Amino acid sequence: MKKTNIDLCDKSWNPVTGCNQISPGCANCYALEVTNRKPKNMSIFVYT
């Protein structure tokens, strides 16, 4: 979970990750790069 500046909550979490490459437009999409930055096991904390 990540701290947020949203007034209605303290933290936010997005359970949806990854993508299905289904069109030629996917070649320039940022989602695959973002997904590969995250650890495969989300219970392991990675500090940068």
N, C-alpha and C. Protein backbone atom coordinates (compact mmCIF):
# COMPACT_ATOMS: atom_id res chain seq x y z
N MET A 1 0.84 -1.18 0.00
CA MET A 1 0.00 0.00 0.00
C MET A 1 0.88 1.24 0.00
N LYS A 2 0.33 2.28 -0.53
CA LYS A 2 1.08 3.51 -0.68
C LYS A 2 0.30 4.67 -0.07
N LYS A 3 1.01 5.56 0.63
CA LYS A 3 0.35 6.74 1.17
C LYS A 3 -0.18 7.58 0.02
N THR A 4 -1.29 8.25 0.27
CA THR A 4 -1.93 9.03 -0.79
C THR A 4 -2.33 10.40 -0.27
N ASN A 5 -2.53 11.32 -1.18
CA ASN A 5 -3.01 12.66 -0.83
C ASN A 5 -4.52 12.76 -0.98
N ILE A 6 -5.19 11.65 -1.21
CA ILE A 6 -6.65 11.64 -1.35
C ILE A 6 -7.26 11.88 0.02
N ASP A 7 -8.17 12.84 0.12
CA ASP A 7 -8.77 13.20 1.40
C ASP A 7 -9.59 12.07 2.03
N LEU A 8 -10.15 11.20 1.21
CA LEU A 8 -11.05 10.18 1.71
C LEU A 8 -10.36 8.93 2.24
N CYS A 9 -9.05 8.82 2.03
CA CYS A 9 -8.35 7.62 2.50
C CYS A 9 -6.90 7.94 2.84
N ASP A 10 -6.28 7.05 3.62
CA ASP A 10 -4.88 7.23 4.01
C ASP A 10 -3.92 6.58 3.03
N LYS A 11 -4.33 5.41 2.50
CA LYS A 11 -3.46 4.65 1.60
C LYS A 11 -4.27 4.11 0.44
N SER A 12 -3.60 3.83 -0.67
CA SER A 12 -4.29 3.25 -1.82
C SER A 12 -3.51 2.04 -2.32
N TRP A 13 -4.21 1.15 -3.05
CA TRP A 13 -3.59 -0.07 -3.56
C TRP A 13 -4.27 -0.45 -4.86
N ASN A 14 -3.49 -0.72 -5.88
CA ASN A 14 -4.04 -1.14 -7.16
C ASN A 14 -3.71 -2.61 -7.37
N PRO A 15 -4.68 -3.50 -7.24
CA PRO A 15 -4.41 -4.94 -7.37
C PRO A 15 -4.22 -5.41 -8.80
N VAL A 16 -4.48 -4.56 -9.78
CA VAL A 16 -4.39 -4.95 -11.19
C VAL A 16 -2.99 -4.63 -11.71
N THR A 17 -2.30 -5.66 -12.21
CA THR A 17 -0.98 -5.45 -12.80
C THR A 17 -0.87 -6.23 -14.10
N GLY A 18 0.05 -5.82 -14.93
CA GLY A 18 0.29 -6.55 -16.16
C GLY A 18 -0.59 -6.09 -17.30
N CYS A 19 -0.43 -6.79 -18.44
CA CYS A 19 -1.22 -6.45 -19.61
C CYS A 19 -1.23 -7.63 -20.57
N ASN A 20 -2.11 -7.59 -21.51
CA ASN A 20 -2.16 -8.55 -22.61
C ASN A 20 -1.91 -7.77 -23.88
N GLN A 21 -0.79 -8.04 -24.53
CA GLN A 21 -0.44 -7.31 -25.75
C GLN A 21 -1.30 -7.85 -26.89
N ILE A 22 -2.25 -7.01 -27.34
CA ILE A 22 -3.21 -7.49 -28.35
C ILE A 22 -3.21 -6.68 -29.64
N SER A 23 -2.45 -5.60 -29.70
CA SER A 23 -2.46 -4.80 -30.92
C SER A 23 -1.07 -4.23 -31.20
N PRO A 24 -0.82 -3.75 -32.41
CA PRO A 24 0.47 -3.14 -32.73
C PRO A 24 0.77 -1.90 -31.88
N GLY A 25 -0.26 -1.23 -31.39
CA GLY A 25 -0.07 -0.07 -30.54
C GLY A 25 0.59 -0.40 -29.21
N CYS A 26 0.56 -1.67 -28.83
CA CYS A 26 1.17 -2.09 -27.57
C CYS A 26 2.69 -1.97 -27.58
N ALA A 27 3.29 -1.86 -28.76
CA ALA A 27 4.75 -1.75 -28.86
C ALA A 27 5.27 -0.50 -28.15
N ASN A 28 4.46 0.55 -28.03
CA ASN A 28 4.87 1.80 -27.40
C ASN A 28 4.21 2.03 -26.05
N CYS A 29 3.63 1.00 -25.46
CA CYS A 29 2.91 1.14 -24.20
C CYS A 29 3.87 1.09 -23.01
N TYR A 30 3.57 1.86 -21.98
CA TYR A 30 4.40 1.92 -20.78
C TYR A 30 4.09 0.79 -19.79
N ALA A 31 2.96 0.11 -19.91
CA ALA A 31 2.50 -0.83 -18.89
C ALA A 31 3.46 -2.00 -18.68
N LEU A 32 4.03 -2.54 -19.74
CA LEU A 32 4.94 -3.67 -19.60
C LEU A 32 6.19 -3.27 -18.83
N GLU A 33 6.72 -2.10 -19.12
CA GLU A 33 7.91 -1.63 -18.40
C GLU A 33 7.60 -1.43 -16.91
N VAL A 34 6.45 -0.85 -16.60
CA VAL A 34 6.06 -0.63 -15.21
C VAL A 34 5.88 -1.97 -14.50
N THR A 35 5.27 -2.94 -15.16
CA THR A 35 5.04 -4.25 -14.58
C THR A 35 6.37 -4.94 -14.27
N ASN A 36 7.33 -4.84 -15.14
CA ASN A 36 8.62 -5.50 -14.94
C ASN A 36 9.43 -4.87 -13.82
N ARG A 37 9.10 -3.66 -13.41
CA ARG A 37 9.80 -3.01 -12.29
C ARG A 37 9.37 -3.60 -10.95
N LYS A 38 8.18 -4.16 -10.89
CA LYS A 38 7.64 -4.67 -9.63
C LYS A 38 8.15 -6.08 -9.38
N PRO A 39 8.37 -6.45 -8.10
CA PRO A 39 8.81 -7.81 -7.81
C PRO A 39 7.70 -8.81 -8.13
N LYS A 40 8.07 -10.02 -8.50
CA LYS A 40 7.09 -11.06 -8.80
C LYS A 40 6.29 -11.43 -7.55
N ASN A 41 6.95 -11.43 -6.41
CA ASN A 41 6.29 -11.74 -5.14
C ASN A 41 6.02 -10.42 -4.43
N MET A 42 4.78 -9.98 -4.41
CA MET A 42 4.45 -8.66 -3.87
C MET A 42 4.58 -8.59 -2.35
N SER A 43 4.84 -9.73 -1.67
CA SER A 43 5.04 -9.70 -0.22
C SER A 43 6.48 -9.33 0.12
N ILE A 44 7.36 -9.26 -0.89
CA ILE A 44 8.75 -8.88 -0.67
C ILE A 44 8.89 -7.39 -0.93
N PHE A 45 9.38 -6.66 0.06
CA PHE A 45 9.55 -5.23 -0.09
C PHE A 45 10.89 -4.93 -0.75
N VAL A 46 10.87 -4.08 -1.75
CA VAL A 46 12.09 -3.68 -2.45
C VAL A 46 12.26 -2.18 -2.24
N TYR A 47 13.36 -1.80 -1.65
CA TYR A 47 13.61 -0.39 -1.39
C TYR A 47 14.55 0.17 -2.44
N THR A 48 14.26 1.38 -2.90
CA THR A 48 15.14 2.01 -3.88
C THR A 48 15.73 3.28 -3.32
